[in-house]
């Protein structure tokens, strides 16, 4: 992910607020706070799609199983 450096403001004399950014060590790529799976799949669009399809299939089958068993009983 490419992070936005924030709003740009004209400070005068040909200088902008982006000329004085203290965190210039930011890099492109996944966030440092991303989970293991997100960092592992970064840059692999086919693997991301396959993982999303697998998760969707598992969620659909589990919800179908839940509904077939009678669903959520709020009142007895």
N, C-alpha and C. Protein backbone atom coordinates (compact mmCIF):
# COMPACT_ATOMS: atom_id res chain seq x y z
N UNK A 1 0.84 -1.15 0.00
CA UNK A 1 0.00 0.00 0.00
C UNK A 1 0.90 1.23 0.00
N UNK A 2 0.59 2.20 -0.82
CA UNK A 2 1.34 3.44 -0.84
C UNK A 2 0.60 4.43 0.05
N UNK A 3 1.28 4.91 1.05
CA UNK A 3 0.65 5.80 2.02
C UNK A 3 0.68 7.24 1.53
N UNK A 4 -0.40 7.94 1.81
CA UNK A 4 -0.48 9.35 1.46
C UNK A 4 0.37 10.13 2.45
N UNK A 5 1.11 11.10 1.96
CA UNK A 5 1.97 11.88 2.83
C UNK A 5 1.24 13.02 3.51
N UNK A 6 -0.06 13.07 3.37
CA UNK A 6 -0.84 14.11 4.03
C UNK A 6 -1.15 15.26 3.11
N UNK A 7 -1.92 16.21 3.62
CA UNK A 7 -2.30 17.35 2.78
C UNK A 7 -1.08 18.21 2.46
N UNK A 8 -1.12 18.83 1.29
CA UNK A 8 -0.02 19.70 0.88
C UNK A 8 -0.44 21.15 1.10
N UNK A 9 0.42 21.88 1.77
CA UNK A 9 0.16 23.29 2.05
C UNK A 9 1.33 24.12 1.54
N UNK A 10 1.03 25.24 0.93
CA UNK A 10 2.07 26.14 0.45
C UNK A 10 2.56 26.98 1.62
N UNK A 11 3.86 26.89 1.92
CA UNK A 11 4.44 27.64 3.03
C UNK A 11 5.07 28.95 2.58
N UNK A 12 5.16 29.16 1.27
CA UNK A 12 5.76 30.38 0.74
C UNK A 12 7.20 30.15 0.32
N UNK A 13 7.72 31.05 -0.48
CA UNK A 13 9.08 31.00 -0.98
C UNK A 13 9.39 29.69 -1.71
N UNK A 14 8.38 29.11 -2.37
CA UNK A 14 8.58 27.90 -3.15
C UNK A 14 8.66 26.62 -2.31
N UNK A 15 8.34 26.71 -1.05
CA UNK A 15 8.39 25.54 -0.17
C UNK A 15 6.97 25.07 0.14
N UNK A 16 6.81 23.75 0.23
CA UNK A 16 5.52 23.17 0.60
C UNK A 16 5.69 22.35 1.86
N UNK A 17 4.57 21.93 2.43
CA UNK A 17 4.63 21.13 3.65
C UNK A 17 5.29 19.78 3.42
N UNK A 18 5.28 19.28 2.19
CA UNK A 18 5.90 17.98 1.91
C UNK A 18 7.42 18.06 1.86
N UNK A 19 7.98 19.27 1.84
CA UNK A 19 9.44 19.41 1.88
C UNK A 19 9.98 19.16 3.29
N UNK A 20 9.11 19.17 4.29
CA UNK A 20 9.54 19.05 5.68
C UNK A 20 8.88 17.86 6.36
N UNK A 21 8.82 16.72 5.70
CA UNK A 21 8.18 15.53 6.27
C UNK A 21 9.20 14.79 7.13
N UNK A 22 8.90 14.59 8.40
CA UNK A 22 9.87 13.91 9.27
C UNK A 22 9.97 12.41 9.03
N UNK A 23 8.90 11.76 8.56
CA UNK A 23 8.90 10.31 8.35
C UNK A 23 9.17 9.98 6.89
N UNK A 24 10.34 10.28 6.41
CA UNK A 24 10.67 9.98 5.03
C UNK A 24 11.10 8.53 4.84
N UNK A 25 11.15 7.77 5.94
CA UNK A 25 11.55 6.37 5.82
C UNK A 25 10.38 5.44 5.53
N UNK A 26 9.19 6.00 5.25
CA UNK A 26 8.03 5.18 4.90
C UNK A 26 8.32 4.47 3.59
N UNK A 27 7.82 3.25 3.46
CA UNK A 27 8.06 2.48 2.25
C UNK A 27 6.75 1.97 1.70
N UNK A 28 6.78 1.58 0.44
CA UNK A 28 5.61 0.96 -0.15
C UNK A 28 5.53 -0.47 0.33
N UNK A 29 4.32 -1.01 0.35
CA UNK A 29 4.14 -2.39 0.77
C UNK A 29 3.13 -2.49 1.89
N UNK A 30 3.03 -3.67 2.48
CA UNK A 30 2.03 -3.84 3.54
C UNK A 30 2.42 -3.07 4.79
N UNK A 31 1.43 -2.71 5.56
CA UNK A 31 1.66 -1.99 6.80
C UNK A 31 2.39 -2.89 7.79
N UNK A 32 3.15 -2.29 8.67
CA UNK A 32 3.86 -3.07 9.69
C UNK A 32 2.88 -3.72 10.67
N UNK A 33 1.69 -3.16 10.79
CA UNK A 33 0.69 -3.71 11.69
C UNK A 33 -0.20 -4.77 11.01
N UNK A 34 0.08 -5.09 9.76
CA UNK A 34 -0.71 -6.10 9.06
C UNK A 34 -0.46 -7.47 9.66
N UNK A 35 -1.44 -8.33 9.49
CA UNK A 35 -1.30 -9.69 9.97
C UNK A 35 -0.38 -10.52 9.08
N UNK A 36 -0.07 -11.71 9.54
CA UNK A 36 0.84 -12.60 8.81
C UNK A 36 0.30 -12.93 7.42
N UNK A 37 -0.98 -13.23 7.33
CA UNK A 37 -1.56 -13.63 6.04
C UNK A 37 -1.55 -12.46 5.07
N UNK A 38 -1.89 -11.28 5.54
CA UNK A 38 -1.91 -10.10 4.67
C UNK A 38 -0.51 -9.79 4.14
N UNK A 39 0.50 -9.89 4.98
CA UNK A 39 1.86 -9.63 4.53
C UNK A 39 2.34 -10.72 3.57
N UNK A 40 1.94 -11.97 3.80
CA UNK A 40 2.36 -13.06 2.93
C UNK A 40 1.72 -12.97 1.54
N UNK A 41 0.50 -12.47 1.47
CA UNK A 41 -0.22 -12.40 0.20
C UNK A 41 0.02 -11.09 -0.55
N UNK A 42 0.76 -10.16 0.02
CA UNK A 42 1.00 -8.88 -0.63
C UNK A 42 1.79 -9.10 -1.91
N UNK A 43 1.27 -8.62 -3.02
CA UNK A 43 1.95 -8.75 -4.31
C UNK A 43 1.61 -10.02 -5.05
N UNK A 44 0.68 -10.81 -4.55
CA UNK A 44 0.27 -12.05 -5.21
C UNK A 44 -1.24 -12.02 -5.44
N UNK A 45 -1.71 -11.37 -6.52
CA UNK A 45 -3.15 -11.20 -6.71
C UNK A 45 -3.91 -12.51 -6.92
N UNK A 46 -3.29 -13.50 -7.55
CA UNK A 46 -3.98 -14.77 -7.76
C UNK A 46 -4.15 -15.50 -6.43
N UNK A 47 -3.14 -15.45 -5.59
CA UNK A 47 -3.24 -16.08 -4.27
C UNK A 47 -4.29 -15.37 -3.41
N UNK A 48 -4.36 -14.04 -3.52
CA UNK A 48 -5.38 -13.29 -2.79
C UNK A 48 -6.78 -13.71 -3.22
N UNK A 49 -6.98 -13.84 -4.55
CA UNK A 49 -8.28 -14.23 -5.07
C UNK A 49 -8.64 -15.64 -4.61
N UNK A 50 -7.68 -16.56 -4.67
CA UNK A 50 -7.94 -17.94 -4.26
C UNK A 50 -8.28 -18.01 -2.77
N UNK A 51 -7.58 -17.24 -1.97
CA UNK A 51 -7.84 -17.22 -0.53
C UNK A 51 -9.22 -16.65 -0.24
N UNK A 52 -9.59 -15.59 -0.94
CA UNK A 52 -10.92 -15.00 -0.75
C UNK A 52 -12.02 -15.97 -1.18
N UNK A 53 -11.81 -16.68 -2.29
CA UNK A 53 -12.81 -17.66 -2.74
C UNK A 53 -12.93 -18.80 -1.74
N UNK A 54 -11.82 -19.26 -1.20
CA UNK A 54 -11.83 -20.33 -0.21
C UNK A 54 -12.57 -19.89 1.06
N UNK A 55 -12.27 -18.69 1.54
CA UNK A 55 -12.93 -18.18 2.75
C UNK A 55 -14.43 -18.01 2.51
N UNK A 56 -14.81 -17.53 1.32
CA UNK A 56 -16.22 -17.36 1.00
C UNK A 56 -16.94 -18.71 0.94
N UNK A 57 -16.29 -19.71 0.35
CA UNK A 57 -16.88 -21.04 0.29
C UNK A 57 -17.06 -21.66 1.66
N UNK A 58 -16.08 -21.50 2.51
CA UNK A 58 -16.19 -22.03 3.88
C UNK A 58 -17.31 -21.33 4.64
N UNK A 59 -17.38 -20.01 4.52
CA UNK A 59 -18.43 -19.26 5.22
C UNK A 59 -19.82 -19.64 4.69
N UNK A 60 -19.96 -19.83 3.39
CA UNK A 60 -21.26 -20.20 2.82
C UNK A 60 -21.67 -21.60 3.27
N UNK A 61 -20.74 -22.53 3.30
CA UNK A 61 -21.09 -23.88 3.72
C UNK A 61 -21.43 -23.93 5.21
N UNK A 62 -20.71 -23.16 6.01
CA UNK A 62 -21.01 -23.14 7.45
C UNK A 62 -22.37 -22.47 7.73
N UNK A 63 -22.68 -21.41 7.00
CA UNK A 63 -23.98 -20.76 7.21
C UNK A 63 -25.11 -21.66 6.71
N UNK A 64 -24.89 -22.39 5.63
CA UNK A 64 -25.90 -23.33 5.14
C UNK A 64 -26.14 -24.44 6.15
N UNK A 65 -25.09 -24.94 6.74
CA UNK A 65 -25.22 -25.98 7.76
C UNK A 65 -25.99 -25.45 8.97
N UNK A 66 -25.71 -24.21 9.35
CA UNK A 66 -26.39 -23.58 10.49
C UNK A 66 -27.89 -23.44 10.21
N UNK A 67 -28.26 -23.02 9.00
CA UNK A 67 -29.66 -22.83 8.65
C UNK A 67 -30.37 -24.18 8.56
N UNK A 68 -29.72 -25.18 8.01
CA UNK A 68 -30.34 -26.51 7.92
C UNK A 68 -30.63 -27.11 9.29
N UNK A 69 -29.84 -26.76 10.29
CA UNK A 69 -30.06 -27.28 11.64
C UNK A 69 -31.14 -26.52 12.38
N UNK A 70 -31.72 -25.52 11.79
CA UNK A 70 -32.83 -24.81 12.42
C UNK A 70 -32.54 -23.35 12.69
N UNK A 71 -31.35 -22.91 12.46
CA UNK A 71 -31.03 -21.51 12.65
C UNK A 71 -30.89 -21.14 14.12
N UNK A 72 -30.97 -19.86 14.38
CA UNK A 72 -30.83 -19.34 15.73
C UNK A 72 -32.19 -19.31 16.39
N UNK A 73 -32.32 -20.00 17.49
CA UNK A 73 -33.59 -20.05 18.22
C UNK A 73 -33.53 -19.00 19.34
N UNK A 74 -34.31 -17.95 19.17
CA UNK A 74 -34.32 -16.88 20.16
C UNK A 74 -35.32 -17.15 21.28
N UNK A 75 -36.25 -18.02 21.01
CA UNK A 75 -37.29 -18.27 22.00
C UNK A 75 -37.66 -19.74 21.97
N UNK A 76 -37.86 -20.32 23.13
CA UNK A 76 -38.20 -21.74 23.16
C UNK A 76 -39.68 -21.97 23.38
